[in-house]
C-alpha atoms as a PDB file:
ATOM      1  CA  MET A   1     -16.838  10.895 -28.052  1.00  0.00           C
ATOM      2  CA  SER A   2     -18.471   7.258 -27.777  1.00  0.00           C
ATOM      3  CA  ALA A   3     -17.561   4.349 -25.458  1.00  0.00           C
ATOM      4  CA  GLN A   4     -15.618   2.614 -28.501  1.00  0.00           C
ATOM      5  CA  ILE A   5     -13.813   6.031 -28.256  1.00  0.00           C
ATOM      6  CA  ILE A   6     -12.695   6.074 -24.860  1.00  0.00           C
ATOM      7  CA  HIS A   7     -12.052   2.388 -24.577  1.00  0.00           C
ATOM      8  CA  THR A   8      -9.413   3.009 -27.269  1.00  0.00           C
ATOM      9  CA  ILE A   9      -7.555   5.834 -26.164  1.00  0.00           C
ATOM     10  CA  TRP A  10      -7.286   3.447 -22.782  1.00  0.00           C
ATOM     11  CA  ILE A  11      -6.390   0.858 -25.007  1.00  0.00           C
ATOM     12  CA  TRP A  12      -3.392   2.283 -25.721  1.00  0.00           C
ATOM     13  CA  ILE A  13      -2.311   4.430 -22.668  1.00  0.00           C
ATOM     14  CA  ALA A  14      -2.381   1.831 -21.130  1.00  0.00           C
ATOM     15  CA  ALA A  15      -0.298   0.310 -23.348  1.00  0.00           C
ATOM     16  CA  PHE A  16       2.815   3.191 -23.763  1.00  0.00           C
ATOM     17  CA  PHE A  17       2.862   2.286 -19.997  1.00  0.00           C
ATOM     18  CA  THR A  18       2.826  -1.276 -20.186  1.00  0.00           C
ATOM     19  CA  LEU A  19       6.643  -0.648 -23.136  1.00  0.00           C
ATOM     20  CA  ALA A  20       7.759   1.979 -20.612  1.00  0.00           C
ATOM     21  CA  ILE A  21       7.774  -0.175 -18.127  1.00  0.00           C
ATOM     22  CA  PHE A  22       9.398  -3.215 -20.216  1.00  0.00           C
ATOM     23  CA  SER A  23      12.085  -0.928 -22.040  1.00  0.00           C
ATOM     24  CA  PHE A  24      13.501  -0.508 -18.189  1.00  0.00           C
ATOM     25  CA  LEU A  25      14.991  -3.938 -19.505  1.00  0.00           C
ATOM     26  CA  TYR A  26      17.106  -2.683 -22.073  1.00  0.00           C
ATOM     27  CA  LYS A  27      18.228   0.027 -19.552  1.00  0.00           C
ATOM     28  CA  ASP A  28      17.126   2.699 -17.055  1.00  0.00           C
ATOM     29  CA  ASN A  29      15.858   5.762 -19.380  1.00  0.00           C
ATOM     30  CA  PRO A  30      12.982   8.792 -19.443  1.00  0.00           C
ATOM     31  CA  PHE A  31      10.129   6.805 -20.153  1.00  0.00           C
ATOM     32  CA  TYR A  32      10.785   4.370 -17.856  1.00  0.00           C
ATOM     33  CA  ARG A  33      10.993   7.359 -15.031  1.00  0.00           C
ATOM     34  CA  ILE A  34       7.913   9.109 -15.934  1.00  0.00           C
ATOM     35  CA  ALA A  35       6.228   5.739 -15.549  1.00  0.00           C
ATOM     36  CA  GLU A  36       7.297   5.224 -12.353  1.00  0.00           C
ATOM     37  CA  HIS A  37       6.475   7.957 -11.056  1.00  0.00           C
ATOM     38  CA  ILE A  38       3.077   8.615 -12.843  1.00  0.00           C
ATOM     39  CA  PHE A  39       2.533   5.342 -10.518  1.00  0.00           C
ATOM     40  CA  VAL A  40       3.499   6.042  -7.731  1.00  0.00           C
ATOM     41  CA  GLY A  41       1.419   8.969  -7.937  1.00  0.00           C
ATOM     42  CA  VAL A  42      -1.646   7.204  -8.966  1.00  0.00           C
ATOM     43  CA  SER A  43      -1.548   5.155  -5.811  1.00  0.00           C
ATOM     44  CA  ALA A  44       0.350   7.046  -3.817  1.00  0.00           C
ATOM     45  CA  ALA A  45      -3.849   8.993  -4.695  1.00  0.00           C
ATOM     46  CA  TYR A  46      -6.080   6.594  -4.705  1.00  0.00           C
ATOM     47  CA  GLY A  47      -4.615   5.253  -1.023  1.00  0.00           C
ATOM     48  CA  LEU A  48      -5.065   8.837   0.089  1.00  0.00           C
ATOM     49  CA  ILE A  49      -9.011   8.159  -1.315  1.00  0.00           C
ATOM     50  CA  ILE A  50      -9.187   5.405   0.700  1.00  0.00           C
ATOM     51  CA  THR A  51      -8.431   6.206   3.916  1.00  0.00           C
ATOM     52  CA  TYR A  52     -10.585   9.338   3.440  1.00  0.00           C
ATOM     53  CA  TYR A  53     -13.172   7.584   2.862  1.00  0.00           C
ATOM     54  CA  ASN A  54     -12.679   4.292   4.343  1.00  0.00           C
ATOM     55  CA  ALA A  55     -10.772   5.629   7.737  1.00  0.00           C
ATOM     56  CA  PHE A  56     -12.061   9.382   8.702  1.00  0.00           C
ATOM     57  CA  LEU A  57     -15.465   9.688   7.435  1.00  0.00           C
ATOM     58  CA  PRO A  58     -16.681   6.711   9.898  1.00  0.00           C
ATOM     59  CA  TYR A  59     -14.228   6.164  12.493  1.00  0.00           C
ATOM     60  CA  VAL A  60     -13.508   9.938  12.479  1.00  0.00           C
ATOM     61  CA  TYR A  61     -16.802  12.574  10.861  1.00  0.00           C
ATOM     62  CA  THR A  62     -19.696  10.691  10.724  1.00  0.00           C
ATOM     63  CA  PRO A  63     -18.672   9.942  14.882  1.00  0.00           C
ATOM     64  CA  LEU A  64     -17.923  13.995  15.808  1.00  0.00           C
ATOM     65  CA  ILE A  65     -21.146  14.610  13.795  1.00  0.00           C
ATOM     66  CA  LYS A  66     -23.657  12.358  16.152  1.00  0.00           C
ATOM     67  CA  GLY A  67     -21.339  13.594  18.964  1.00  0.00           C
ATOM     68  CA  ASP A  68     -18.834  11.300  20.144  1.00  0.00           C
ATOM     69  CA  PHE A  69     -15.756  13.401  21.159  1.00  0.00           C
ATOM     70  CA  ILE A  70     -13.997  10.560  22.662  1.00  0.00           C
ATOM     71  CA  VAL A  71     -12.205  10.345  19.003  1.00  0.00           C
ATOM     72  CA  ILE A  72     -10.657  13.692  19.542  1.00  0.00           C
ATOM     73  CA  ILE A  73      -8.373  12.090  21.415  1.00  0.00           C
ATOM     74  CA  PRO A  74      -6.479   9.278  18.967  1.00  0.00           C
ATOM     75  CA  VAL A  75      -6.914  11.544  15.865  1.00  0.00           C
ATOM     76  CA  LEU A  76      -4.540  13.317  18.496  1.00  0.00           C
ATOM     77  CA  ILE A  77      -2.199  11.271  18.299  1.00  0.00           C
ATOM     78  CA  GLY A  78      -2.366  10.213  15.388  1.00  0.00           C
ATOM     79  CA  LEU A  79      -1.341  13.773  14.069  1.00  0.00           C
ATOM     80  CA  LEU A  80       1.909  13.517  16.268  1.00  0.00           C
ATOM     81  CA  PHE A  81       3.250  11.969  13.875  1.00  0.00           C
ATOM     82  CA  PHE A  82       3.739  15.084  12.108  1.00  0.00           C
ATOM     83  CA  ALA A  83       6.432  17.082  14.983  1.00  0.00           C
ATOM     84  CA  ARG A  84       8.899  14.560  13.067  1.00  0.00           C
ATOM     85  CA  PHE A  85       8.674  17.828  10.726  1.00  0.00           C
ATOM     86  CA  ILE A  86       8.925  20.202  13.481  1.00  0.00           C
ATOM     87  CA  PRO A  87      12.519  19.785  15.067  1.00  0.00           C
ATOM     88  CA  LYS A  88      11.690  21.107  18.963  1.00  0.00           C
ATOM     89  CA  ILE A  89       9.204  18.989  19.399  1.00  0.00           C
ATOM     90  CA  SER A  90      10.153  15.647  16.706  1.00  0.00           C
ATOM     91  CA  TRP A  91      10.211  13.851  20.046  1.00  0.00           C
ATOM     92  CA  LEU A  92       6.208  13.759  20.347  1.00  0.00           C
ATOM     93  CA  VAL A  93       6.281  11.436  17.847  1.00  0.00           C
ATOM     94  CA  ARG A  94       7.149   8.795  19.677  1.00  0.00           C
ATOM     95  CA  ILE A  95       4.368   7.993  21.677  1.00  0.00           C
ATOM     96  CA  PRO A  96       1.553   7.558  18.379  1.00  0.00           C
ATOM     97  CA  ILE A  97       4.678   4.930  17.142  1.00  0.00           C
ATOM     98  CA  VAL A  98       4.535   3.337  20.527  1.00  0.00           C
ATOM     99  CA  VAL A  99       0.768   3.642  20.647  1.00  0.00           C
ATOM    100  CA  ALA A 100       0.750   1.969  17.435  1.00  0.00           C
ATOM    101  CA  MET A 101       2.829  -1.146  17.774  1.00  0.00           C
ATOM    102  CA  GLY A 102       1.558  -1.776  21.099  1.00  0.00           C
ATOM    103  CA  TRP A 103      -2.003  -2.189  19.327  1.00  0.00           C
ATOM    104  CA  GLY A 104      -0.244  -4.007  17.056  1.00  0.00           C
ATOM    105  CA  ALA A 105       1.480  -6.494  19.252  1.00  0.00           C
ATOM    106  CA  GLY A 106      -1.636  -7.102  21.215  1.00  0.00           C
ATOM    107  CA  VAL A 107      -4.523  -7.464  18.367  1.00  0.00           C
ATOM    108  CA  GLY A 108      -1.799  -9.093  15.934  1.00  0.00           C
ATOM    109  CA  LEU A 109      -0.336 -11.630  18.335  1.00  0.00           C
ATOM    110  CA  PRO A 110      -2.823 -13.547  19.910  1.00  0.00           C
ATOM    111  CA  ARG A 111      -4.913 -13.769  15.792  1.00  0.00           C
ATOM    112  CA  THR A 112      -1.063 -15.320  14.558  1.00  0.00           C
ATOM    113  CA  PHE A 113      -0.764 -17.770  17.365  1.00  0.00           C
ATOM    114  CA  GLN A 114      -4.455 -18.605  16.890  1.00  0.00           C
ATOM    115  CA  GLN A 115      -4.408 -18.400  13.241  1.00  0.00           C
ATOM    116  CA  ASN A 116      -0.329 -19.290  12.552  1.00  0.00           C
ATOM    117  CA  ILE A 117       0.100 -22.288  14.973  1.00  0.00           C
ATOM    118  CA  PHE A 118      -2.311 -23.446  17.306  1.00  0.00           C
ATOM    119  CA  GLU A 119      -4.756 -23.792  13.760  1.00  0.00           C
ATOM    120  CA  GLN A 120      -1.604 -25.911  12.243  1.00  0.00           C
ATOM    121  CA  LEU A 121      -1.344 -28.020  15.235  1.00  0.00           C
ATOM    122  CA  LYS A 122      -4.331 -29.032  15.104  1.00  0.00           C
ATOM    123  CA  ALA A 123      -4.392 -29.454  11.381  1.00  0.00           C
ATOM    124  CA  SER A 124      -1.537 -31.659  11.307  1.00  0.00           C
ATOM    125  CA  ILE A 125      -2.583 -34.256  14.709  1.00  0.00           C
ATOM    126  CA  LEU A 126      -2.924 -37.585  12.690  1.00  0.00           C
ATOM    127  CA  THR A 127      -6.741 -38.757  13.922  1.00  0.00           C
ATOM    128  CA  VAL A 128      -8.860 -41.229  12.488  1.00  0.00           C
ATOM    129  CA  ASN A 129     -10.211 -39.077   9.853  1.00  0.00           C
ATOM    130  CA  SER A 130      -6.507 -38.134   8.829  1.00  0.00           C
ATOM    131  CA  PHE A 131      -6.832 -41.810   6.783  1.00  0.00           C
ATOM    132  CA  PRO A 132     -10.632 -41.421   4.258  1.00  0.00           C
ATOM    133  CA  ASN A 133      -8.143 -43.307   1.883  1.00  0.00           C
ATOM    134  CA  VAL A 134      -4.482 -44.736   1.253  1.00  0.00           C
ATOM    135  CA  TRP A 135      -2.857 -42.042  -0.142  1.00  0.00           C
ATOM    136  CA  GLN A 136      -4.008 -39.000   1.417  1.00  0.00           C
ATOM    137  CA  GLY A 137      -3.365 -41.316   4.983  1.00  0.00           C
ATOM    138  CA  ILE A 138       0.202 -41.731   3.020  1.00  0.00           C
ATOM    139  CA  PHE A 139       0.289 -37.364   2.848  1.00  0.00           C
ATOM    140  CA  ASN A 140      -0.974 -36.604   6.264  1.00  0.00           C
ATOM    141  CA  ILE A 141       1.752 -39.021   7.721  1.00  0.00           C
ATOM    142  CA  ILE A 142       4.595 -37.984   5.030  1.00  0.00           C
ATOM    143  CA  MET A 143       3.214 -34.045   6.730  1.00  0.00           C
ATOM    144  CA  PHE A 144       3.361 -34.651   9.826  1.00  0.00           C
ATOM    145  CA  ALA A 145       6.724 -36.397   9.529  1.00  0.00           C
ATOM    146  CA  GLY A 146       7.785 -33.694   8.002  1.00  0.00           C
ATOM    147  CA  ILE A 147       6.900 -31.376  10.607  1.00  0.00           C
ATOM    148  CA  ILE A 148       9.103 -33.708  12.983  1.00  0.00           C
ATOM    149  CA  LEU A 149      11.591 -33.776  11.543  1.00  0.00           C
ATOM    150  CA  THR A 150      12.474 -29.990  10.443  1.00  0.00           C
ATOM    151  CA  LEU A 151      11.420 -28.813  13.748  1.00  0.00           C
ATOM    152  CA  SER A 152      14.410 -31.241  15.353  1.00  0.00           C
ATOM    153  CA  TYR A 153      16.573 -29.123  12.842  1.00  0.00           C
ATOM    154  CA  PHE A 154      16.105 -26.477  15.013  1.00  0.00           C
ATOM    155  CA  PHE A 155      17.966 -27.480  18.424  1.00  0.00           C
ATOM    156  CA  PHE A 156      21.399 -27.102  17.727  1.00  0.00           C
ATOM    157  CA  SER A 157      22.370 -28.203  21.031  1.00  0.00           C
ATOM    158  CA  ARG A 158      21.362 -31.272  20.962  1.00  0.00           C
ATOM    159  CA  LYS A 159      22.416 -32.263  18.085  1.00  0.00           C
ATOM    160  CA  GLU A 160      26.195 -32.330  19.143  1.00  0.00           C
ATOM    161  CA  ASN A 161      27.574 -35.900  19.550  1.00  0.00           C
ATOM    162  CA  ASN A 162      23.371 -36.879  18.661  1.00  0.00           C
ATOM    163  CA  LYS A 163      23.477 -39.317  15.948  1.00  0.00           C
ATOM    164  CA  VAL A 164      19.378 -39.550  16.136  1.00  0.00           C
ATOM    165  CA  PHE A 165      19.364 -35.749  16.318  1.00  0.00           C
ATOM    166  CA  ASN A 166      21.835 -35.246  13.510  1.00  0.00           C
ATOM    167  CA  THR A 167      19.874 -38.415  11.539  1.00  0.00           C
ATOM    168  CA  THR A 168      16.798 -36.551  11.942  1.00  0.00           C
ATOM    169  CA  SER A 169      17.931 -32.848  10.876  1.00  0.00           C
ATOM    170  CA  LYS A 170      19.680 -34.004   7.916  1.00  0.00           C
ATOM    171  CA  ILE A 171      15.835 -35.011   6.501  1.00  0.00           C
ATOM    172  CA  GLY A 172      14.412 -32.034   7.957  1.00  0.00           C
ATOM    173  CA  THR A 173      17.474 -30.095   5.822  1.00  0.00           C
ATOM    174  CA  ILE A 174      15.361 -31.759   2.850  1.00  0.00           C
ATOM    175  CA  PHE A 175      12.183 -30.706   4.125  1.00  0.00           C
ATOM    176  CA  ILE A 176      13.433 -27.324   4.554  1.00  0.00           C
ATOM    177  CA  MET A 177      14.319 -27.195   1.045  1.00  0.00           C
ATOM    178  CA  VAL A 178      11.379 -28.478  -0.358  1.00  0.00           C
ATOM    179  CA  SER A 179       8.920 -26.399   1.612  1.00  0.00           C
ATOM    180  CA  PHE A 180      11.473 -22.881  -0.189  1.00  0.00           C
ATOM    181  CA  GLY A 181      11.737 -24.308  -3.282  1.00  0.00           C
ATOM    182  CA  ALA A 182       8.078 -24.781  -3.679  1.00  0.00           C
ATOM    183  CA  THR A 183       7.586 -21.454  -2.026  1.00  0.00           C
ATOM    184  CA  PHE A 184       9.895 -19.898  -5.117  1.00  0.00           C
ATOM    185  CA  GLY A 185       8.629 -21.806  -7.916  1.00  0.00           C
ATOM    186  CA  TYR A 186       5.097 -20.085  -6.589  1.00  0.00           C
ATOM    187  CA  THR A 187       6.357 -16.838  -6.449  1.00  0.00           C
ATOM    188  CA  VAL A 188       7.615 -17.131  -9.779  1.00  0.00           C
ATOM    189  CA  MET A 189       4.555 -18.965 -11.590  1.00  0.00           C
ATOM    190  CA  ALA A 190       2.768 -15.496 -10.453  1.00  0.00           C
ATOM    191  CA  ARG A 191       5.715 -13.017 -11.239  1.00  0.00           C
ATOM    192  CA  VAL A 192       5.569 -14.849 -14.799  1.00  0.00           C
ATOM    193  CA  SER A 193       1.199 -14.660 -14.686  1.00  0.00           C
ATOM    194  CA  LEU A 194       1.421 -10.992 -14.587  1.00  0.00           C
ATOM    195  CA  LEU A 195       3.875 -11.221 -17.734  1.00  0.00           C
ATOM    196  CA  ILE A 196       1.624 -13.339 -19.444  1.00  0.00           C
ATOM    197  CA  GLY A 197      -1.091 -11.086 -18.884  1.00  0.00           C
ATOM    198  CA  ARG A 198       0.836  -7.909 -20.221  1.00  0.00           C
ATOM    199  CA  ILE A 199       1.555 -10.000 -23.024  1.00  0.00           C
ATOM    200  CA  LEU A 200      -1.495 -10.687 -23.755  1.00  0.00           C
ATOM    201  CA  PHE A 201      -3.032  -7.211 -23.379  1.00  0.00           C
ATOM    202  CA  LEU A 202      -0.173  -6.448 -26.183  1.00  0.00           C
ATOM    203  CA  LEU A 203      -1.124  -8.952 -28.641  1.00  0.00           C
ATOM    204  CA  ARG A 204      -4.687  -9.408 -27.971  1.00  0.00           C
ATOM    205  CA  ASP A 205      -6.485  -5.496 -26.364  1.00  0.00           C
ATOM    206  CA  TRP A 206      -3.850  -4.219 -28.471  1.00  0.00           C
ATOM    207  CA  LEU A 207      -2.324  -4.702 -31.833  1.00  0.00           C
ATOM    208  CA  GLY A 208      -5.090  -7.732 -32.022  1.00  0.00           C
ATOM    209  CA  ILE A 209      -2.771  -9.733 -33.582  1.00  0.00           C
ATOM    210  CA  ILE A 210      -4.417 -12.956 -31.077  1.00  0.00           C
ATOM    211  CA  HIS A 211      -8.081 -13.345 -30.620  1.00  0.00           C
END
């Protein structure tokens, strides 16, 4: 079988699943459910293979082959997740959950503070380098003011009978709404881009209507 025929077959398969998913816009139907189940199954199988090659082989199998038996401890802790399926010892599942949450908090929180808070604070501070030109300087000033005004919105106890905080919090609300609107617009734009990509695939690669 030539490469061109194989390529054509895969295009038809991809077109079928694309139309099957789009069919949900009309109503739930067997074609949509078939495509959904196959997608979930392929995703699970792909994740399992990635886990096997990127986690099990380098971090479990290879160390054991080299005599590093200390890895047996985290492996046993991980296997305790399956205790959930045995009612008599299902309580043991708490051990890996606590270990995972504790490790995640210990490793994730410092990185979160470093990347999302400290770096943002450093980027928000106005310095001489914040004014490379007039427009950039104005933008940085607006951004700095937006941060201060947005933070004032969350001082709820201070807004009672305080005209200054009432005014700044109202302006801060505008910045919050602009931020939410931009985030929502970016999300919608990303979804529309995916839709455009699928429609282009159907019209160009499958039907050949456009080039």
